[in-house]
C-alpha atoms as a PDB file:
ATOM      1  CA  MET A   1     -31.138 -68.153  45.035  1.00  0.00           C
ATOM      2  CA  ILE A   2     -30.802 -66.582  41.596  1.00  0.00           C
ATOM      3  CA  ARG A   3     -33.066 -68.356  39.095  1.00  0.00           C
ATOM      4  CA  LYS A   4     -31.070 -69.167  35.975  1.00  0.00           C
ATOM      5  CA  LYS A   5     -31.986 -70.132  32.430  1.00  0.00           C
ATOM      6  CA  ILE A   6     -30.205 -73.418  31.683  1.00  0.00           C
ATOM      7  CA  ALA A   7     -30.357 -75.663  28.634  1.00  0.00           C
ATOM      8  CA  VAL A   8     -29.205 -79.288  28.769  1.00  0.00           C
ATOM      9  CA  ILE A   9     -28.378 -80.976  25.450  1.00  0.00           C
ATOM     10  CA  GLY A  10     -28.211 -84.768  25.643  1.00  0.00           C
ATOM     11  CA  LEU A  11     -30.616 -86.602  27.923  1.00  0.00           C
ATOM     12  CA  GLY A  12     -28.833 -89.813  28.818  1.00  0.00           C
ATOM     13  CA  SER A  13     -28.822 -91.068  32.409  1.00  0.00           C
ATOM     14  CA  PHE A  14     -26.677 -88.139  33.600  1.00  0.00           C
ATOM     15  CA  GLY A  15     -28.528 -85.519  31.554  1.00  0.00           C
ATOM     16  CA  LYS A  16     -31.907 -86.587  32.845  1.00  0.00           C
ATOM     17  CA  VAL A  17     -30.823 -86.422  36.489  1.00  0.00           C
ATOM     18  CA  LEU A  18     -29.209 -83.024  35.897  1.00  0.00           C
ATOM     19  CA  VAL A  19     -32.396 -81.670  34.293  1.00  0.00           C
ATOM     20  CA  GLU A  20     -34.538 -82.881  37.186  1.00  0.00           C
ATOM     21  CA  ARG A  21     -32.231 -81.534  39.887  1.00  0.00           C
ATOM     22  CA  LEU A  22     -31.939 -78.131  38.251  1.00  0.00           C
ATOM     23  CA  PHE A  23     -35.709 -77.918  37.768  1.00  0.00           C
ATOM     24  CA  LEU A  24     -36.410 -78.927  41.397  1.00  0.00           C
ATOM     25  CA  GLU A  25     -33.996 -76.199  42.525  1.00  0.00           C
ATOM     26  CA  GLY A  26     -36.166 -73.646  40.760  1.00  0.00           C
ATOM     27  CA  HIS A  27     -34.225 -72.963  37.586  1.00  0.00           C
ATOM     28  CA  GLU A  28     -35.782 -72.512  34.155  1.00  0.00           C
ATOM     29  CA  VAL A  29     -34.626 -75.648  32.319  1.00  0.00           C
ATOM     30  CA  LEU A  30     -34.789 -76.405  28.582  1.00  0.00           C
ATOM     31  CA  ALA A  31     -34.137 -80.109  27.870  1.00  0.00           C
ATOM     32  CA  ILE A  32     -32.927 -81.065  24.364  1.00  0.00           C
ATOM     33  CA  ASP A  33     -32.360 -84.442  22.744  1.00  0.00           C
ATOM     34  CA  ILE A  34     -32.499 -85.996  19.279  1.00  0.00           C
ATOM     35  CA  ALA A  35     -34.810 -88.817  20.412  1.00  0.00           C
ATOM     36  CA  GLN A  36     -38.486 -87.969  20.698  1.00  0.00           C
ATOM     37  CA  SER A  37     -39.154 -90.708  23.271  1.00  0.00           C
ATOM     38  CA  THR A  38     -36.418 -89.288  25.537  1.00  0.00           C
ATOM     39  CA  VAL A  39     -37.821 -85.794  25.215  1.00  0.00           C
ATOM     40  CA  GLU A  40     -41.243 -87.126  26.203  1.00  0.00           C
ATOM     41  CA  ASP A  41     -39.745 -88.824  29.262  1.00  0.00           C
ATOM     42  CA  VAL A  42     -38.539 -85.529  30.763  1.00  0.00           C
ATOM     43  CA  LYS A  43     -41.424 -83.219  29.868  1.00  0.00           C
ATOM     44  CA  ASP A  44     -42.739 -83.221  33.443  1.00  0.00           C
ATOM     45  CA  ILE A  45     -39.379 -82.525  35.099  1.00  0.00           C
ATOM     46  CA  CYS A  46     -38.332 -79.434  33.147  1.00  0.00           C
ATOM     47  CA  THR A  47     -39.685 -76.121  31.932  1.00  0.00           C
ATOM     48  CA  ALA A  48     -39.692 -77.206  28.299  1.00  0.00           C
ATOM     49  CA  SER A  49     -38.376 -80.168  26.289  1.00  0.00           C
ATOM     50  CA  VAL A  50     -37.519 -80.088  22.580  1.00  0.00           C
ATOM     51  CA  ARG A  51     -36.596 -82.758  20.076  1.00  0.00           C
ATOM     52  CA  LEU A  52     -33.870 -81.536  17.703  1.00  0.00           C
ATOM     53  CA  ASP A  53     -30.525 -82.391  16.204  1.00  0.00           C
ATOM     54  CA  ALA A  54     -27.860 -80.416  18.111  1.00  0.00           C
ATOM     55  CA  THR A  55     -25.628 -80.353  15.021  1.00  0.00           C
ATOM     56  CA  ASP A  56     -28.280 -78.445  13.069  1.00  0.00           C
ATOM     57  CA  ASP A  57     -27.257 -74.789  13.122  1.00  0.00           C
ATOM     58  CA  HIS A  58     -30.711 -73.457  12.265  1.00  0.00           C
ATOM     59  CA  ALA A  59     -32.460 -75.705  14.802  1.00  0.00           C
ATOM     60  CA  LEU A  60     -30.192 -74.597  17.645  1.00  0.00           C
ATOM     61  CA  ARG A  61     -30.510 -70.916  16.760  1.00  0.00           C
ATOM     62  CA  SER A  62     -34.312 -71.228  16.753  1.00  0.00           C
ATOM     63  CA  GLN A  63     -34.355 -72.077  20.492  1.00  0.00           C
ATOM     64  CA  GLY A  64     -33.062 -68.743  21.771  1.00  0.00           C
ATOM     65  CA  LEU A  65     -30.028 -70.318  23.380  1.00  0.00           C
ATOM     66  CA  ASP A  66     -28.164 -67.012  23.249  1.00  0.00           C
ATOM     67  CA  GLU A  67     -30.523 -65.890  26.041  1.00  0.00           C
ATOM     68  CA  MET A  68     -29.572 -68.792  28.279  1.00  0.00           C
ATOM     69  CA  ASP A  69     -27.258 -68.240  31.235  1.00  0.00           C
ATOM     70  CA  ILE A  70     -25.727 -71.701  30.803  1.00  0.00           C
ATOM     71  CA  VAL A  71     -25.860 -74.457  28.212  1.00  0.00           C
ATOM     72  CA  VAL A  72     -24.689 -77.930  29.233  1.00  0.00           C
ATOM     73  CA  ILE A  73     -23.719 -80.351  26.445  1.00  0.00           C
ATOM     74  CA  SER A  74     -24.094 -83.790  28.000  1.00  0.00           C
ATOM     75  CA  VAL A  75     -23.819 -85.843  24.799  1.00  0.00           C
ATOM     76  CA  ALA A  76     -21.896 -88.948  25.853  1.00  0.00           C
ATOM     77  CA  GLU A  77     -21.412 -91.243  22.862  1.00  0.00           C
ATOM     78  CA  ASN A  78     -20.959 -88.945  19.835  1.00  0.00           C
ATOM     79  CA  PHE A  79     -18.004 -86.639  20.428  1.00  0.00           C
ATOM     80  CA  GLU A  80     -18.158 -85.273  16.882  1.00  0.00           C
ATOM     81  CA  ALA A  81     -21.745 -84.122  17.487  1.00  0.00           C
ATOM     82  CA  LEU A  82     -20.663 -82.575  20.788  1.00  0.00           C
ATOM     83  CA  VAL A  83     -17.908 -80.577  19.076  1.00  0.00           C
ATOM     84  CA  VAL A  84     -20.246 -79.355  16.319  1.00  0.00           C
ATOM     85  CA  ALA A  85     -22.860 -78.321  18.870  1.00  0.00           C
ATOM     86  CA  ALA A  86     -20.256 -76.516  20.985  1.00  0.00           C
ATOM     87  CA  ASP A  87     -18.943 -74.624  17.940  1.00  0.00           C
ATOM     88  CA  ILE A  88     -22.468 -73.521  16.952  1.00  0.00           C
ATOM     89  CA  LEU A  89     -23.166 -72.367  20.531  1.00  0.00           C
ATOM     90  CA  LYS A  90     -19.954 -70.312  20.535  1.00  0.00           C
ATOM     91  CA  GLN A  91     -21.018 -68.666  17.283  1.00  0.00           C
ATOM     92  CA  ILE A  92     -24.475 -67.939  18.679  1.00  0.00           C
ATOM     93  CA  GLY A  93     -22.874 -66.184  21.636  1.00  0.00           C
ATOM     94  CA  VAL A  94     -23.927 -68.440  24.539  1.00  0.00           C
ATOM     95  CA  LYS A  95     -22.550 -66.968  27.799  1.00  0.00           C
ATOM     96  CA  GLN A  96     -21.315 -70.186  29.446  1.00  0.00           C
ATOM     97  CA  ILE A  97     -20.923 -73.610  27.850  1.00  0.00           C
ATOM     98  CA  PHE A  98     -20.266 -76.710  29.954  1.00  0.00           C
ATOM     99  CA  ALA A  99     -19.154 -79.663  27.818  1.00  0.00           C
ATOM    100  CA  ARG A 100     -18.792 -83.338  28.732  1.00  0.00           C
ATOM    101  CA  TYR A 101     -15.568 -85.116  27.883  1.00  0.00           C
ATOM    102  CA  LYS A 102     -14.211 -88.653  28.253  1.00  0.00           C
ATOM    103  CA  THR A 103     -10.508 -88.287  27.498  1.00  0.00           C
ATOM    104  CA  GLU A 104      -7.865 -85.608  27.920  1.00  0.00           C
ATOM    105  CA  LEU A 105      -7.599 -85.411  24.109  1.00  0.00           C
ATOM    106  CA  GLN A 106     -11.303 -84.537  23.904  1.00  0.00           C
ATOM    107  CA  LYS A 107     -10.802 -81.914  26.580  1.00  0.00           C
ATOM    108  CA  ARG A 108      -7.931 -80.323  24.607  1.00  0.00           C
ATOM    109  CA  ILE A 109     -10.056 -80.250  21.453  1.00  0.00           C
ATOM    110  CA  LEU A 110     -12.898 -78.517  23.291  1.00  0.00           C
ATOM    111  CA  LYS A 111     -10.433 -75.937  24.622  1.00  0.00           C
ATOM    112  CA  LEU A 112      -9.265 -75.241  21.073  1.00  0.00           C
ATOM    113  CA  ILE A 113     -12.782 -74.259  19.999  1.00  0.00           C
ATOM    114  CA  GLY A 114     -13.183 -71.973  22.988  1.00  0.00           C
ATOM    115  CA  VAL A 115     -15.093 -74.038  25.533  1.00  0.00           C
ATOM    116  CA  ASP A 116     -14.123 -72.935  29.065  1.00  0.00           C
ATOM    117  CA  PHE A 117     -15.960 -75.349  31.336  1.00  0.00           C
ATOM    118  CA  PHE A 118     -15.684 -79.153  31.298  1.00  0.00           C
ATOM    119  CA  PHE A 119     -17.010 -82.106  33.276  1.00  0.00           C
ATOM    120  CA  ASN A 120     -16.528 -85.863  33.373  1.00  0.00           C
ATOM    121  CA  PRO A 121     -19.219 -87.512  35.537  1.00  0.00           C
ATOM    122  CA  GLU A 122     -17.558 -90.943  35.518  1.00  0.00           C
ATOM    123  CA  GLU A 123     -14.209 -89.538  36.625  1.00  0.00           C
ATOM    124  CA  THR A 124     -15.821 -87.427  39.349  1.00  0.00           C
ATOM    125  CA  ALA A 125     -17.856 -90.369  40.652  1.00  0.00           C
ATOM    126  CA  ALA A 126     -14.844 -92.660  40.660  1.00  0.00           C
ATOM    127  CA  THR A 127     -12.710 -90.080  42.482  1.00  0.00           C
ATOM    128  CA  ASN A 128     -15.399 -89.599  45.107  1.00  0.00           C
ATOM    129  CA  MET A 129     -15.777 -93.328  45.581  1.00  0.00           C
ATOM    130  CA  ALA A 130     -12.038 -93.832  45.955  1.00  0.00           C
ATOM    131  CA  GLU A 131     -11.852 -91.091  48.569  1.00  0.00           C
ATOM    132  CA  MET A 132     -14.804 -92.505  50.493  1.00  0.00           C
ATOM    133  CA  LEU A 133     -13.308 -96.012  50.468  1.00  0.00           C
ATOM    134  CA  ARG A 134      -9.932 -94.669  51.601  1.00  0.00           C
ATOM    135  CA  HIS A 135     -11.396 -92.566  54.426  1.00  0.00           C
ATOM    136  CA  GLY A 136     -14.225 -94.209  56.349  1.00  0.00           C
ATOM    137  CA  SER A 137     -15.253 -90.917  57.919  1.00  0.00           C
ATOM    138  CA  LEU A 138     -15.716 -89.165  54.549  1.00  0.00           C
ATOM    139  CA  ILE A 139     -19.350 -89.155  53.492  1.00  0.00           C
ATOM    140  CA  SER A 140     -19.302 -87.100  50.294  1.00  0.00           C
ATOM    141  CA  ASN A 141     -17.192 -84.731  48.212  1.00  0.00           C
ATOM    142  CA  LEU A 142     -17.842 -81.787  45.944  1.00  0.00           C
ATOM    143  CA  PHE A 143     -14.720 -80.949  43.963  1.00  0.00           C
ATOM    144  CA  LEU A 144     -14.743 -77.219  43.158  1.00  0.00           C
ATOM    145  CA  SER A 145     -11.365 -77.393  41.418  1.00  0.00           C
ATOM    146  CA  ASP A 146      -8.272 -79.596  41.340  1.00  0.00           C
ATOM    147  CA  GLU A 147      -7.290 -78.052  44.704  1.00  0.00           C
ATOM    148  CA  TYR A 148     -10.442 -77.090  46.616  1.00  0.00           C
ATOM    149  CA  ARG A 149     -13.470 -79.072  47.663  1.00  0.00           C
ATOM    150  CA  ILE A 150     -16.454 -79.165  49.984  1.00  0.00           C
ATOM    151  CA  ALA A 151     -16.648 -82.345  52.050  1.00  0.00           C
ATOM    152  CA  GLU A 152     -19.094 -83.973  54.443  1.00  0.00           C
ATOM    153  CA  VAL A 153     -17.082 -85.550  57.246  1.00  0.00           C
ATOM    154  CA  LYS A 154     -18.098 -87.494  60.345  1.00  0.00           C
ATOM    155  CA  ILE A 155     -17.025 -85.713  63.507  1.00  0.00           C
ATOM    156  CA  PRO A 156     -13.719 -87.089  64.892  1.00  0.00           C
ATOM    157  CA  GLU A 157     -14.143 -88.467  68.421  1.00  0.00           C
ATOM    158  CA  SER A 158     -11.430 -86.151  69.679  1.00  0.00           C
ATOM    159  CA  LEU A 159     -13.638 -83.130  68.929  1.00  0.00           C
ATOM    160  CA  VAL A 160     -16.914 -84.362  70.473  1.00  0.00           C
ATOM    161  CA  GLY A 161     -17.983 -82.034  73.278  1.00  0.00           C
ATOM    162  CA  THR A 162     -15.655 -79.174  72.303  1.00  0.00           C
ATOM    163  CA  GLN A 163     -16.780 -75.781  71.021  1.00  0.00           C
ATOM    164  CA  ILE A 164     -16.228 -74.744  67.420  1.00  0.00           C
ATOM    165  CA  GLN A 165     -13.980 -71.881  68.516  1.00  0.00           C
ATOM    166  CA  GLU A 166     -11.933 -74.282  70.644  1.00  0.00           C
ATOM    167  CA  ALA A 167     -11.398 -76.640  67.692  1.00  0.00           C
ATOM    168  CA  MET A 168      -9.618 -73.841  65.786  1.00  0.00           C
ATOM    169  CA  LEU A 169     -10.159 -75.561  62.432  1.00  0.00           C
ATOM    170  CA  ARG A 170      -8.971 -72.561  60.435  1.00  0.00           C
ATOM    171  CA  GLU A 171      -5.833 -72.072  62.504  1.00  0.00           C
ATOM    172  CA  LYS A 172      -4.856 -75.759  62.774  1.00  0.00           C
ATOM    173  CA  PHE A 173      -6.065 -77.137  59.438  1.00  0.00           C
ATOM    174  CA  SER A 174      -6.769 -74.108  57.168  1.00  0.00           C
ATOM    175  CA  LEU A 175     -10.406 -75.261  56.932  1.00  0.00           C
ATOM    176  CA  ASN A 176     -13.663 -73.371  57.099  1.00  0.00           C
ATOM    177  CA  ILE A 177     -16.677 -75.071  58.656  1.00  0.00           C
ATOM    178  CA  ILE A 178     -19.753 -74.164  56.596  1.00  0.00           C
ATOM    179  CA  THR A 179     -22.383 -75.803  58.806  1.00  0.00           C
ATOM    180  CA  ILE A 180     -23.251 -78.982  60.681  1.00  0.00           C
ATOM    181  CA  LYS A 181     -25.746 -81.732  59.881  1.00  0.00           C
ATOM    182  CA  ARG A 182     -27.056 -83.020  63.208  1.00  0.00           C
ATOM    183  CA  ARG A 183     -29.028 -86.183  63.906  1.00  0.00           C
ATOM    184  CA  THR A 184     -31.747 -85.634  66.489  1.00  0.00           C
ATOM    185  CA  LYS A 185     -34.376 -87.818  68.130  1.00  0.00           C
ATOM    186  CA  PRO A 186     -37.745 -87.750  66.364  1.00  0.00           C
ATOM    187  CA  VAL A 187     -40.507 -85.623  67.832  1.00  0.00           C
ATOM    188  CA  SER A 188     -43.108 -88.351  67.274  1.00  0.00           C
ATOM    189  CA  ARG A 189     -42.975 -91.182  69.796  1.00  0.00           C
ATOM    190  CA  ARG A 190     -44.611 -93.467  67.248  1.00  0.00           C
ATOM    191  CA  ARG A 191     -41.453 -93.603  65.192  1.00  0.00           C
ATOM    192  CA  ASN A 192     -38.809 -96.236  65.850  1.00  0.00           C
ATOM    193  CA  GLU A 193     -36.254 -95.191  68.413  1.00  0.00           C
ATOM    194  CA  ASP A 194     -33.411 -95.843  65.955  1.00  0.00           C
ATOM    195  CA  GLU A 195     -34.908 -93.455  63.401  1.00  0.00           C
ATOM    196  CA  LYS A 196     -33.452 -89.977  63.699  1.00  0.00           C
ATOM    197  CA  GLU A 197     -34.110 -86.744  61.936  1.00  0.00           C
ATOM    198  CA  ILE A 198     -31.391 -84.721  60.182  1.00  0.00           C
ATOM    199  CA  SER A 199     -31.329 -80.972  60.808  1.00  0.00           C
ATOM    200  CA  ILE A 200     -29.030 -78.338  59.312  1.00  0.00           C
ATOM    201  CA  LEU A 201     -27.753 -75.928  61.942  1.00  0.00           C
ATOM    202  CA  GLY A 202     -27.252 -73.079  59.462  1.00  0.00           C
ATOM    203  CA  ILE A 203     -24.898 -70.238  60.391  1.00  0.00           C
ATOM    204  CA  LEU A 204     -22.832 -71.415  63.353  1.00  0.00           C
ATOM    205  CA  SER A 205     -21.736 -69.569  66.446  1.00  0.00           C
ATOM    206  CA  GLY A 206     -18.327 -70.129  67.992  1.00  0.00           C
ATOM    207  CA  ASP A 207     -19.757 -71.544  71.203  1.00  0.00           C
ATOM    208  CA  GLU A 208     -21.692 -74.332  69.458  1.00  0.00           C
ATOM    209  CA  ARG A 209     -20.477 -77.701  70.780  1.00  0.00           C
ATOM    210  CA  PHE A 210     -19.846 -80.701  68.554  1.00  0.00           C
ATOM    211  CA  LYS A 211     -21.986 -83.802  69.236  1.00  0.00           C
ATOM    212  CA  SER A 212     -21.189 -87.450  68.623  1.00  0.00           C
ATOM    213  CA  GLU A 213     -23.409 -87.938  65.548  1.00  0.00           C
ATOM    214  CA  ASP A 214     -22.598 -84.641  63.833  1.00  0.00           C
ATOM    215  CA  THR A 215     -21.546 -84.416  60.216  1.00  0.00           C
ATOM    216  CA  LEU A 216     -19.320 -81.437  59.429  1.00  0.00           C
ATOM    217  CA  ILE A 217     -19.578 -79.601  56.122  1.00  0.00           C
ATOM    218  CA  LEU A 218     -16.044 -78.320  55.449  1.00  0.00           C
ATOM    219  CA  PHE A 219     -14.453 -76.158  52.781  1.00  0.00           C
ATOM    220  CA  GLY A 220     -10.745 -76.204  52.039  1.00  0.00           C
ATOM    221  CA  LYS A 221      -7.883 -77.732  50.103  1.00  0.00           C
ATOM    222  CA  GLN A 222      -7.955 -81.455  49.503  1.00  0.00           C
ATOM    223  CA  LYS A 223      -4.695 -82.020  51.402  1.00  0.00           C
ATOM    224  CA  ASP A 224      -5.994 -80.140  54.451  1.00  0.00           C
ATOM    225  CA  ILE A 225      -9.279 -82.074  54.519  1.00  0.00           C
ATOM    226  CA  ASN A 226      -7.342 -85.318  54.266  1.00  0.00           C
ATOM    227  CA  LYS A 227      -5.159 -84.226  57.193  1.00  0.00           C
ATOM    228  CA  PHE A 228      -8.258 -83.450  59.271  1.00  0.00           C
ATOM    229  CA  ILE A 229      -9.893 -86.796  58.396  1.00  0.00           C
ATOM    230  CA  GLU A 230      -6.835 -88.626  59.666  1.00  0.00           C
ATOM    231  CA  LEU A 231      -7.160 -87.183  63.169  1.00  0.00           C
END
């Protein structure tokens, strides 16, 4: 994994989780918020935390953000502050700016000032939930674009016992299987019989056979994954 320098501006519920996840994955994370108490809350789950006003040109420039690989603006409630911060970051020369938006109008405004990457946590979560409720075998989704996604899917009964090469997922569904999550019996006999460990099979061979409690990690177009789920 390539270790990146990432700054997160705005430490609400989403921002805090993002900071912690990035830090645990080994990235160098700078956490920024206007509230001192919030900055104190995250000091142990990031590389550095700073209290500053993201609309203050001088304050932002003082943090060396032009050396960051990515800056995420996760300010949720004050869109005006988000726009000002994004404009300053563009002037500083930040390589990649990811900005949070709530409405399509906000997204269009961010595009006008040159922001290239956008995210809406609420919309993403709602979309994932709707998909999971619609398809009982769908465990989770990662939307890479409007068209492509990575999905965790319970193995269809019709494929249990067959080899990966026999399933012909690419030929029949235009899907790539990334790997398999497999539930296995615990090594320790002291554990409850209904408790099972999850193992990742890694790079798969064509002669690997699907088992009844497998979870498939698939990559492909949304329409193709939906077609597979409905087997």
